[in-house]
Amino acid sequence: MPHAHEAGWAHADGALRGPSWLRQPADPNQLVQHLWSTTARKVDGALEVGGVRLTDLVAEHGSPAYVLDEADFRARARAFRDAFSAYDVFYAGKAFLCTTTARWVGEEGLNLDVCSGGELTVAERAGFDMARAGFHGNNKTVAELRRAVALGVGRIIVDSFVEIERLAAVVAELGATARVMVRVTAGVEAHTHEYIATAHEDQKFGFSITAGDAFEAVRRVEAAPGLELLGLHSHIGSQIFDSSGFEVAARRVLALQARISEELGTTLPEMDLGGGFGIAYTTQDDPSDPSQLATEMSKIVEHECRGLGIPQPRLSIEPGRAIVGPSMCTVYEVGTVKEVELDGGARRTYVSVDGGMSDNVRTALYDADYSCTLASRASEAPPTLSRVVGMHCEAGDIVVKDEFLPSDLVPGDLVAVPGTGAYCRSMASNYNHALRPPVIAVRDGATRVVLRRETVDDLLATDVGAAGGQPSG
């Protein structure tokens, strides 16, 4: 986690110059193309996505709004499907899920990973084939497990000994069977934020390989009537660019698989290496494409299996961010532009917009970096280092920590932030009683609302005193 300078943020290294990787652009109107969805472009200075000018989109649907590039989403899904043709590819719905995207995932030939009863319901309402769904979660309730089994979910990833007992009782009650994967922690320290690194030992997910819990979990699943053991599941974290973490995880998981084969006489047919593939949020990020990932990961598993003398299991992966992340941007309207003079005469420009941490909490939660651009017009003004902030009553309500924007930015301008498809709408809140923005799909010059903007009635629907009566008690 980053630590503030003891004399305040303005004194920290790079506070007024921006981070070392951020370069002042020759033309602040120009898009850094690899940060955006493939159809994004500037037309006379105005940003266009999917053939739709964002000025027109905001005129019709208001701001802020999430803009989802359908063609880009589908193309990224197909790229993973084709590159990992020998794998089962599960789209990680937690990144962003609605009935529309669930249908796109199915139409593009991917499976779907859900991790709550709510996500399971979205998949069901979308008509998704439940045999192609996987169900994650470290604390699934009996009701959720019962529903998953009744719906015929293709695999349930168990995460604790208690859950194995719960699931065994559910299948006995329903007279059914459940296909199971055992989530293991491989002790890998992924080079990512502490909160999204998920394979080191001191965290809530899975069974420890080194402590022996993983082997015991496999033994219990094998012994439980009605539970069919498919294999082991490992996930090392999120926003990962280095395949070396997957190599270490695969080596440790496959070593466990070899032990299971030797001591229990069980050959596990499948193995899941999880997801966590990084995307480019800013120019400092350099993600691998799906073909490169597939080549590297296949070589890793093939080499380890050969060395252990065990058959290679059928592999699966779970990309979420890598598909939907770059496919969406968020458009905001500028409300105020303020220059703040700091100690020593330095100045910082604050650009306040009509959204913030309620629609993108990642900057506050993970210290995440984002980029942005002026989306409504061209500018001939020189660029100035700016900080884009939200409307909420929090000093940490920052959308983009540092970006060069035209120095003539004024209220009413639109700015757009790329790479907001993953964990922005899915983690959105009503903080300060904000209304969550809509998700507008764009394609071939047309817009389609896939999640409508919340209304005040939505906001007050659970407030029992909002009907005008006096609160009881």
Protein backbone atom coordinates (compact mmCIF):
# COMPACT_ATOMS: atom_id res chain seq x y z
CA MET A 1 0.00 0.00 0.00
CA PRO A 2 1.31 3.51 -0.74
CA HIS A 3 2.15 5.76 2.19
CA ALA A 4 1.58 9.51 2.28
CA HIS A 5 4.44 11.90 2.88
CA GLU A 6 4.44 12.93 6.56
CA ALA A 7 4.14 16.61 5.56
CA GLY A 8 1.22 15.98 3.23
CA TRP A 9 0.60 14.68 -0.27
CA ALA A 10 1.87 17.86 -1.95
CA HIS A 11 5.37 17.14 -0.67
CA ALA A 12 5.57 13.55 -1.92
CA ASP A 13 7.97 12.75 -4.74
CA GLY A 14 6.33 13.39 -8.10
CA ALA A 15 3.21 14.94 -6.57
CA LEU A 16 3.32 17.97 -8.88
CA ARG A 17 5.31 16.52 -11.75
CA GLY A 18 3.22 13.42 -12.13
CA PRO A 19 4.57 9.87 -12.08
CA SER A 20 7.82 9.12 -13.89
CA TRP A 21 6.08 7.11 -16.61
CA LEU A 22 3.67 9.92 -17.58
CA ARG A 23 4.95 11.98 -20.50
CA GLN A 24 3.58 15.32 -21.61
CA PRO A 25 1.94 14.78 -25.00
CA ALA A 26 2.72 16.90 -28.01
CA ASP A 27 -1.01 16.91 -28.77
CA PRO A 28 -3.41 16.39 -25.84
CA ASN A 29 -6.24 15.74 -28.33
CA GLN A 30 -4.65 12.54 -29.60
CA LEU A 31 -5.79 9.17 -28.23
CA VAL A 32 -3.30 6.69 -26.85
CA GLN A 33 -5.00 4.06 -28.96
CA HIS A 34 -4.02 0.88 -27.11
CA LEU A 35 -5.77 2.15 -23.96
CA TRP A 36 -9.13 2.29 -25.72
CA SER A 37 -11.52 -0.13 -27.35
CA THR A 38 -10.76 -0.85 -30.99
CA THR A 39 -13.54 1.33 -32.44
CA ALA A 40 -12.64 4.44 -30.40
CA ARG A 41 -11.42 7.41 -32.45
CA LYS A 42 -11.48 11.20 -32.48
CA VAL A 43 -13.62 12.90 -35.15
CA ASP A 44 -13.05 16.67 -35.28
CA GLY A 45 -11.80 16.38 -31.72
CA ALA A 46 -14.91 14.59 -30.41
CA LEU A 47 -14.55 11.03 -29.16
CA GLU A 48 -16.51 8.40 -31.04
CA VAL A 49 -16.99 4.78 -29.92
CA GLY A 50 -18.81 2.16 -31.95
CA GLY A 51 -19.66 4.83 -34.50
CA VAL A 52 -21.42 6.94 -31.84
CA ARG A 53 -20.18 10.38 -30.84
CA LEU A 54 -20.13 10.64 -27.08
CA THR A 55 -21.56 14.17 -27.30
CA ASP A 56 -24.64 12.64 -28.96
CA LEU A 57 -24.74 9.77 -26.46
CA VAL A 58 -24.67 12.17 -23.51
CA ALA A 59 -27.30 14.38 -25.11
CA GLU A 60 -29.62 11.36 -25.26
CA HIS A 61 -28.68 9.41 -22.13
CA GLY A 62 -27.05 11.94 -19.81
CA SER A 63 -23.82 11.71 -17.86
CA PRO A 64 -22.00 10.06 -16.32
CA ALA A 65 -22.43 6.94 -18.43
CA TYR A 66 -20.53 3.73 -19.03
CA VAL A 67 -20.06 3.17 -22.77
CA LEU A 68 -19.71 -0.50 -23.76
CA ASP A 69 -18.22 -1.29 -27.17
CA GLU A 70 -20.07 -4.46 -28.21
CA ALA A 71 -17.86 -5.28 -31.18
CA ASP A 72 -14.74 -4.91 -29.06
CA PHE A 73 -16.13 -7.09 -26.25
CA ARG A 74 -17.07 -9.84 -28.69
CA ALA A 75 -13.72 -9.64 -30.48
CA ARG A 76 -11.77 -9.99 -27.23
CA ALA A 77 -13.95 -12.94 -26.18
CA ARG A 78 -13.27 -14.64 -29.53
CA ALA A 79 -9.55 -13.92 -29.25
CA PHE A 80 -9.38 -15.83 -25.97
CA ARG A 81 -11.61 -18.60 -27.32
CA ASP A 82 -9.44 -19.07 -30.41
CA ALA A 83 -6.04 -18.67 -28.73
CA PHE A 84 -6.98 -21.10 -25.96
CA SER A 85 -8.81 -23.53 -28.25
CA ALA A 86 -7.51 -26.51 -26.27
CA TYR A 87 -8.76 -24.96 -23.02
CA ASP A 88 -12.14 -24.25 -21.48
CA VAL A 89 -12.41 -20.46 -21.30
CA PHE A 90 -14.68 -19.12 -18.54
CA TYR A 91 -15.58 -15.43 -18.62
CA ALA A 92 -15.23 -14.13 -15.04
CA GLY A 93 -18.60 -12.47 -14.53
CA LYS A 94 -17.51 -10.60 -11.40
CA ALA A 95 -15.63 -8.14 -13.64
CA PHE A 96 -18.91 -7.02 -15.19
CA LEU A 97 -22.10 -8.99 -15.72
CA CYS A 98 -25.58 -8.29 -16.96
CA THR A 99 -27.98 -10.44 -18.94
CA THR A 100 -26.82 -8.88 -22.21
CA THR A 101 -23.12 -9.65 -21.66
CA ALA A 102 -24.00 -13.15 -20.42
CA ARG A 103 -25.72 -13.75 -23.76
CA TRP A 104 -22.74 -12.35 -25.67
CA VAL A 105 -20.44 -14.69 -23.75
CA GLY A 106 -22.58 -17.68 -24.66
CA GLU A 107 -22.90 -16.63 -28.30
CA GLU A 108 -19.11 -16.30 -28.61
CA GLY A 109 -18.58 -19.84 -27.30
CA LEU A 110 -17.25 -19.06 -23.82
CA ASN A 111 -18.28 -20.54 -20.50
CA LEU A 112 -19.28 -18.33 -17.56
CA ASP A 113 -17.93 -18.06 -14.04
CA VAL A 114 -20.18 -16.66 -11.30
CA CYS A 115 -19.41 -16.14 -7.63
CA SER A 116 -22.69 -15.30 -5.89
CA GLY A 117 -26.34 -16.17 -5.90
CA GLY A 118 -27.05 -12.84 -7.59
CA GLU A 119 -24.65 -13.52 -10.47
CA LEU A 120 -26.13 -17.02 -10.78
CA THR A 121 -29.58 -15.45 -11.14
CA VAL A 122 -28.35 -13.09 -13.88
CA ALA A 123 -26.97 -16.08 -15.80
CA GLU A 124 -30.24 -17.94 -15.36
CA ARG A 125 -32.34 -14.96 -16.52
CA ALA A 126 -30.08 -14.62 -19.55
CA GLY A 127 -30.87 -18.21 -20.52
CA PHE A 128 -27.22 -19.23 -20.15
CA ASP A 129 -26.54 -22.97 -20.38
CA MET A 130 -25.83 -23.84 -16.75
CA ALA A 131 -23.79 -26.87 -17.72
CA ARG A 132 -21.25 -24.31 -19.01
CA ALA A 133 -21.20 -22.31 -15.76
CA GLY A 134 -18.84 -22.49 -12.80
CA PHE A 135 -19.71 -21.33 -9.29
CA HIS A 136 -17.03 -19.68 -7.13
CA GLY A 137 -17.12 -18.13 -3.67
CA ASN A 138 -15.48 -18.65 -0.29
CA ASN A 139 -18.74 -18.65 1.71
CA LYS A 140 -21.54 -20.10 -0.40
CA THR A 141 -24.72 -20.56 1.60
CA VAL A 142 -26.71 -23.78 1.70
CA ALA A 143 -29.45 -22.02 -0.28
CA GLU A 144 -26.97 -20.96 -2.98
CA LEU A 145 -25.50 -24.46 -3.22
CA ARG A 146 -28.95 -26.01 -3.39
CA ARG A 147 -29.92 -23.67 -6.21
CA ALA A 148 -26.69 -24.28 -8.11
CA VAL A 149 -27.14 -28.05 -7.92
CA ALA A 150 -30.82 -27.80 -8.90
CA LEU A 151 -29.92 -25.65 -11.93
CA GLY A 152 -27.26 -28.13 -13.05
CA VAL A 153 -24.25 -25.82 -12.72
CA GLY A 154 -21.37 -27.52 -14.51
CA ARG A 155 -18.81 -27.19 -11.73
CA ILE A 156 -18.70 -25.89 -8.19
CA ILE A 157 -15.35 -24.71 -6.87
CA VAL A 158 -15.21 -25.66 -3.18
CA ASP A 159 -13.26 -23.39 -0.86
CA SER A 160 -13.49 -24.87 2.67
CA PHE A 161 -14.07 -28.11 4.55
CA VAL A 162 -17.41 -26.74 5.75
CA GLU A 163 -18.48 -26.18 2.15
CA ILE A 164 -17.60 -29.76 1.21
CA GLU A 165 -19.89 -30.94 4.01
CA ARG A 166 -22.65 -28.52 2.93
CA LEU A 167 -22.47 -29.59 -0.68
CA ALA A 168 -22.44 -33.29 0.19
CA ALA A 169 -25.59 -32.76 2.29
CA VAL A 170 -27.28 -30.80 -0.53
CA VAL A 171 -26.67 -33.47 -3.19
CA ALA A 172 -27.90 -36.16 -0.79
CA GLU A 173 -31.04 -34.11 -0.11
CA LEU A 174 -31.73 -33.56 -3.81
CA GLY A 175 -30.66 -37.00 -4.97
CA ALA A 176 -28.28 -35.32 -7.38
CA THR A 177 -24.59 -35.18 -8.18
CA ALA A 178 -22.26 -32.19 -8.35
CA ARG A 179 -19.02 -31.81 -10.29
CA VAL A 180 -16.40 -30.24 -8.06
CA MET A 181 -13.06 -28.49 -8.30
CA VAL A 182 -10.93 -27.86 -5.21
CA ARG A 183 -9.48 -24.37 -4.95
CA VAL A 184 -5.90 -24.43 -3.71
CA THR A 185 -3.46 -21.71 -2.67
CA ALA A 186 -0.08 -22.24 -4.23
CA GLY A 187 1.86 -19.78 -2.05
CA VAL A 188 2.64 -17.49 -5.00
CA GLU A 189 3.19 -13.78 -4.35
CA ALA A 190 1.79 -12.21 -7.51
CA HIS A 191 3.24 -8.78 -8.32
CA THR A 192 -0.02 -6.92 -7.83
CA HIS A 193 -1.90 -4.98 -5.16
CA GLU A 194 -2.22 -6.78 -1.81
CA TYR A 195 -6.02 -6.82 -2.01
CA ILE A 196 -6.09 -8.60 -5.40
CA ALA A 197 -3.26 -11.09 -4.84
CA THR A 198 -5.08 -14.33 -4.06
CA ALA A 199 -2.59 -17.21 -3.97
CA HIS A 200 -0.33 -16.32 -1.04
CA GLU A 201 -0.91 -18.20 2.20
CA ASP A 202 -2.30 -15.44 4.42
CA GLN A 203 -5.67 -14.80 2.76
CA LYS A 204 -9.19 -16.14 2.74
CA PHE A 205 -9.33 -18.22 -0.43
CA GLY A 206 -8.78 -21.92 -0.91
CA PHE A 207 -6.87 -24.77 0.71
CA SER A 208 -3.15 -24.47 1.43
CA ILE A 209 -0.93 -26.87 -0.49
CA THR A 210 2.01 -26.47 1.87
CA ALA A 211 -0.07 -27.03 5.02
CA GLY A 212 -1.59 -30.21 3.60
CA ASP A 213 -5.16 -28.90 3.62
CA ALA A 214 -5.48 -29.19 -0.16
CA PHE A 215 -4.64 -32.89 -0.16
CA GLU A 216 -7.11 -33.50 2.67
CA ALA A 217 -9.82 -31.57 0.81
CA VAL A 218 -9.32 -33.79 -2.24
CA ARG A 219 -9.53 -36.89 -0.05
CA ARG A 220 -12.81 -35.72 1.50
CA VAL A 221 -14.39 -34.83 -1.85
CA GLU A 222 -13.38 -38.25 -3.20
CA ALA A 223 -15.00 -39.93 -0.21
CA ALA A 224 -18.27 -37.96 -0.40
CA PRO A 225 -21.14 -39.69 -2.24
CA GLY A 226 -22.60 -37.57 -5.01
CA LEU A 227 -19.48 -35.39 -5.48
CA GLU A 228 -17.51 -35.90 -8.70
CA LEU A 229 -13.98 -34.53 -8.45
CA LEU A 230 -12.86 -32.78 -11.64
CA GLY A 231 -9.55 -31.30 -10.54
CA LEU A 232 -7.70 -28.48 -8.85
CA HIS A 233 -8.24 -24.77 -9.21
CA SER A 234 -5.61 -22.07 -8.67
CA HIS A 235 -5.87 -18.29 -9.01
CA ILE A 236 -2.85 -16.13 -8.20
CA GLY A 237 -4.33 -12.62 -8.40
CA SER A 238 -5.37 -9.88 -10.78
CA GLN A 239 -3.79 -7.34 -13.15
CA ILE A 240 -0.77 -9.62 -13.69
CA PHE A 241 1.65 -9.14 -16.60
CA ASP A 242 4.38 -11.65 -15.72
CA SER A 243 3.76 -15.34 -16.60
CA SER A 244 6.40 -16.44 -14.06
CA GLY A 245 3.73 -16.42 -11.35
CA PHE A 246 1.64 -18.86 -13.36
CA GLU A 247 4.72 -21.04 -13.83
CA VAL A 248 5.34 -21.35 -10.09
CA ALA A 249 1.65 -21.95 -9.39
CA ALA A 250 1.38 -24.63 -12.10
CA ARG A 251 4.47 -26.40 -10.78
CA ARG A 252 3.09 -26.57 -7.24
CA VAL A 253 -0.44 -27.52 -8.25
CA LEU A 254 0.76 -30.23 -10.63
CA ALA A 255 3.10 -31.59 -7.95
CA LEU A 256 0.03 -31.95 -5.73
CA GLN A 257 -1.79 -33.62 -8.59
CA ALA A 258 1.05 -36.13 -8.94
CA ARG A 259 0.87 -36.88 -5.22
CA ILE A 260 -2.89 -37.40 -5.46
CA SER A 261 -2.37 -39.84 -8.31
CA GLU A 262 0.31 -41.75 -6.42
CA GLU A 263 -1.29 -41.89 -2.97
CA LEU A 264 -5.00 -41.94 -3.78
CA GLY A 265 -4.86 -43.59 -7.19
CA THR A 266 -6.91 -40.76 -8.65
CA THR A 267 -6.16 -39.13 -12.00
CA LEU A 268 -7.69 -35.67 -12.10
CA PRO A 269 -8.96 -34.84 -15.59
CA GLU A 270 -8.95 -31.02 -15.29
CA MET A 271 -6.99 -28.10 -13.88
CA ASP A 272 -7.93 -24.42 -13.77
CA LEU A 273 -5.19 -21.78 -13.73
CA GLY A 274 -7.59 -18.90 -13.05
CA GLY A 275 -7.37 -15.50 -14.68
CA GLY A 276 -5.96 -12.17 -13.62
CA PHE A 277 -4.47 -11.23 -16.99
CA GLY A 278 -3.58 -7.54 -16.98
CA ILE A 279 -4.76 -4.77 -19.30
CA ALA A 280 -3.35 -1.38 -20.23
CA TYR A 281 -4.84 1.33 -18.03
CA THR A 282 -2.01 3.76 -18.76
CA THR A 283 1.12 3.91 -20.90
CA GLN A 284 3.12 2.14 -18.16
CA ASP A 285 1.18 -1.11 -18.76
CA ASP A 286 2.26 -3.64 -21.38
CA PRO A 287 -0.14 -6.63 -21.41
CA SER A 288 0.33 -9.84 -23.38
CA ASP A 289 -2.14 -10.76 -26.09
CA PRO A 290 -4.16 -14.01 -25.75
CA SER A 291 -2.03 -15.91 -28.27
CA GLN A 292 1.15 -15.12 -26.36
CA LEU A 293 -0.48 -16.08 -23.06
CA ALA A 294 -1.75 -19.36 -24.50
CA THR A 295 1.69 -20.28 -25.85
CA GLU A 296 3.48 -19.48 -22.59
CA MET A 297 0.97 -21.18 -20.30
CA SER A 298 0.69 -24.31 -22.46
CA LYS A 299 4.47 -24.71 -22.50
CA ILE A 300 4.60 -24.33 -18.72
CA VAL A 301 2.00 -27.05 -18.09
CA GLU A 302 3.36 -29.41 -20.73
CA HIS A 303 6.89 -29.12 -19.31
CA GLU A 304 5.79 -29.70 -15.71
CA CYS A 305 3.60 -32.70 -16.57
CA ARG A 306 6.41 -34.29 -18.55
CA GLY A 307 8.80 -33.83 -15.68
CA LEU A 308 6.35 -35.33 -13.18
CA GLY A 309 5.40 -38.18 -15.48
CA ILE A 310 1.67 -37.46 -15.27
CA PRO A 311 -0.90 -37.01 -18.04
CA GLN A 312 -1.67 -33.40 -18.93
CA PRO A 313 -5.10 -32.39 -17.61
CA ARG A 314 -7.59 -30.41 -19.64
CA LEU A 315 -6.93 -26.80 -18.75
CA SER A 316 -9.26 -23.90 -18.15
CA ILE A 317 -8.74 -20.18 -17.57
CA GLU A 318 -10.97 -17.35 -16.36
CA PRO A 319 -10.39 -14.01 -18.12
CA GLY A 320 -12.74 -11.23 -17.07
CA ARG A 321 -10.90 -7.91 -16.95
CA ALA A 322 -8.92 -8.81 -20.09
CA ILE A 323 -12.18 -9.05 -22.07
CA VAL A 324 -14.46 -6.36 -20.69
CA GLY A 325 -11.91 -3.94 -19.22
CA PRO A 326 -10.77 -2.25 -22.44
CA SER A 327 -14.25 -2.61 -23.99
CA MET A 328 -15.77 0.09 -21.80
CA CYS A 329 -15.07 3.72 -21.07
CA THR A 330 -16.83 6.18 -18.78
CA VAL A 331 -17.89 9.63 -19.96
CA TYR A 332 -18.31 12.50 -17.48
CA GLU A 333 -19.28 16.17 -17.66
CA VAL A 334 -16.89 18.68 -16.16
CA GLY A 335 -18.49 20.74 -13.38
CA THR A 336 -15.64 22.90 -12.11
CA VAL A 337 -12.00 23.56 -12.93
CA LYS A 338 -9.91 24.85 -10.05
CA GLU A 339 -6.27 25.80 -9.74
CA VAL A 340 -4.88 25.34 -6.25
CA GLU A 341 -1.70 27.14 -5.20
CA LEU A 342 0.57 25.05 -2.99
CA ASP A 343 3.65 25.69 -0.90
CA GLY A 344 6.52 27.13 -2.91
CA GLY A 345 4.25 28.60 -5.58
CA ALA A 346 3.49 25.30 -7.31
CA ARG A 347 -0.04 24.87 -8.64
CA ARG A 348 -2.30 21.93 -9.33
CA THR A 349 -5.38 21.89 -11.58
CA TYR A 350 -8.39 20.02 -10.23
CA VAL A 351 -11.07 18.97 -12.71
CA SER A 352 -14.28 18.00 -10.93
CA VAL A 353 -16.73 15.74 -12.75
CA ASP A 354 -20.28 14.54 -12.13
CA GLY A 355 -19.27 11.04 -10.98
CA GLY A 356 -16.45 9.71 -8.86
CA MET A 357 -15.81 6.92 -6.41
CA SER A 358 -19.43 5.79 -6.57
CA ASP A 359 -18.93 4.69 -10.20
CA ASN A 360 -15.19 3.88 -10.00
CA VAL A 361 -13.85 3.07 -6.57
CA ARG A 362 -10.66 1.43 -7.84
CA THR A 363 -8.49 4.55 -7.57
CA ALA A 364 -9.45 5.00 -3.90
CA LEU A 365 -9.43 1.28 -3.10
CA TYR A 366 -6.37 0.04 -5.00
CA ASP A 367 -4.50 3.28 -5.76
CA ALA A 368 -5.24 2.41 -9.39
CA ASP A 369 -4.00 4.58 -12.25
CA TYR A 370 -6.23 5.70 -15.12
CA SER A 371 -5.93 7.90 -18.19
CA CYS A 372 -8.49 10.24 -19.72
CA THR A 373 -9.10 12.57 -22.65
CA LEU A 374 -11.17 15.60 -23.56
CA ALA A 375 -14.07 13.95 -25.37
CA SER A 376 -16.34 16.74 -26.63
CA ARG A 377 -14.16 18.98 -28.78
CA ALA A 378 -10.69 19.72 -30.07
CA SER A 379 -8.43 22.11 -28.22
CA GLU A 380 -5.43 24.14 -29.33
CA ALA A 381 -4.45 25.02 -25.76
CA PRO A 382 -1.24 23.57 -24.30
CA PRO A 383 -1.57 20.58 -21.98
CA THR A 384 -1.45 20.99 -18.23
CA LEU A 385 -1.03 18.34 -15.55
CA SER A 386 -4.45 17.79 -14.03
CA ARG A 387 -6.18 15.65 -11.45
CA VAL A 388 -9.71 14.50 -12.25
CA VAL A 389 -11.79 14.23 -9.10
CA GLY A 390 -15.34 13.25 -8.25
CA MET A 391 -18.28 14.98 -6.62
CA HIS A 392 -18.24 13.05 -3.35
CA CYS A 393 -17.50 14.38 0.11
CA GLU A 394 -14.14 12.60 0.36
CA ALA A 395 -10.64 13.97 -0.21
CA GLY A 396 -9.72 10.57 -1.68
CA ASP A 397 -12.49 10.76 -4.30
CA ILE A 398 -10.09 10.72 -7.24
CA VAL A 399 -10.90 9.34 -10.69
CA VAL A 400 -7.60 10.02 -12.48
CA LYS A 401 -4.64 10.94 -10.30
CA ASP A 402 -2.49 12.50 -13.01
CA GLU A 403 -3.13 13.28 -16.66
CA PHE A 404 -2.23 15.99 -19.13
CA LEU A 405 -5.41 17.72 -20.30
CA PRO A 406 -5.86 20.89 -22.37
CA SER A 407 -5.42 23.99 -20.23
CA ASP A 408 -8.64 25.56 -21.56
CA LEU A 409 -10.93 22.90 -20.06
CA VAL A 410 -14.18 24.51 -18.85
CA PRO A 411 -17.44 23.44 -17.19
CA GLY A 412 -19.67 21.62 -19.65
CA ASP A 413 -16.79 19.85 -21.42
CA LEU A 414 -16.89 16.07 -21.52
CA VAL A 415 -13.97 13.89 -20.45
CA ALA A 416 -13.78 10.15 -20.97
CA VAL A 417 -11.80 7.54 -19.03
CA PRO A 418 -10.80 4.32 -20.84
CA GLY A 419 -10.48 0.84 -19.35
CA THR A 420 -13.45 1.07 -16.97
CA GLY A 421 -15.21 -2.14 -17.97
CA ALA A 422 -13.88 -4.26 -15.12
CA TYR A 423 -14.86 -3.72 -11.49
CA CYS A 424 -16.27 -0.22 -11.99
CA ARG A 425 -19.99 -0.78 -12.57
CA SER A 426 -19.81 -4.09 -10.70
CA MET A 427 -18.41 -2.33 -7.60
CA ALA A 428 -20.47 0.84 -8.00
CA SER A 429 -22.32 2.20 -4.97
CA ASN A 430 -24.88 4.78 -3.91
CA TYR A 431 -22.40 6.65 -1.72
CA ASN A 432 -23.73 10.13 -0.90
CA HIS A 433 -26.99 8.79 -2.39
CA ALA A 434 -25.55 8.97 -5.90
CA LEU A 435 -27.49 7.28 -8.69
CA ARG A 436 -25.53 4.57 -10.48
CA PRO A 437 -24.92 5.44 -14.16
CA PRO A 438 -26.35 3.49 -17.08
CA VAL A 439 -24.41 1.11 -19.28
CA ILE A 440 -24.96 2.01 -22.92
CA ALA A 441 -23.86 -0.51 -25.53
CA VAL A 442 -22.72 0.99 -28.83
CA ARG A 443 -22.28 -0.69 -32.18
CA ASP A 444 -22.41 0.41 -35.83
CA GLY A 445 -23.60 3.91 -34.94
CA ALA A 446 -26.46 2.76 -32.69
CA THR A 447 -26.90 2.85 -28.91
CA ARG A 448 -28.70 0.36 -26.70
CA VAL A 449 -29.32 0.67 -22.96
CA VAL A 450 -28.29 -2.59 -21.26
CA LEU A 451 -28.47 -1.23 -17.70
CA ARG A 452 -30.60 1.87 -17.24
CA ARG A 453 -29.65 4.80 -15.05
CA GLU A 454 -30.96 4.50 -11.52
CA THR A 455 -33.73 6.86 -10.47
CA VAL A 456 -34.58 8.51 -7.17
CA ASP A 457 -37.40 5.96 -6.85
CA ASP A 458 -34.85 3.16 -7.17
CA LEU A 459 -32.72 4.84 -4.54
CA LEU A 460 -35.59 5.12 -2.06
CA ALA A 461 -37.26 1.79 -2.82
CA THR A 462 -35.82 0.17 0.33
CA ASP A 463 -36.27 3.24 2.55
CA VAL A 464 -39.39 2.31 4.51
CA GLY A 465 -39.89 5.87 5.72
CA ALA A 466 -39.77 7.43 2.27
CA ALA A 467 -43.49 7.06 1.56
CA GLY A 468 -44.24 10.11 3.69
CA GLY A 469 -45.28 8.38 6.88
CA GLN A 470 -43.53 8.65 10.23
CA PRO A 471 -40.93 5.98 10.95
CA SER A 472 -42.12 3.39 13.42
CA GLY A 473 -40.44 2.83 16.80
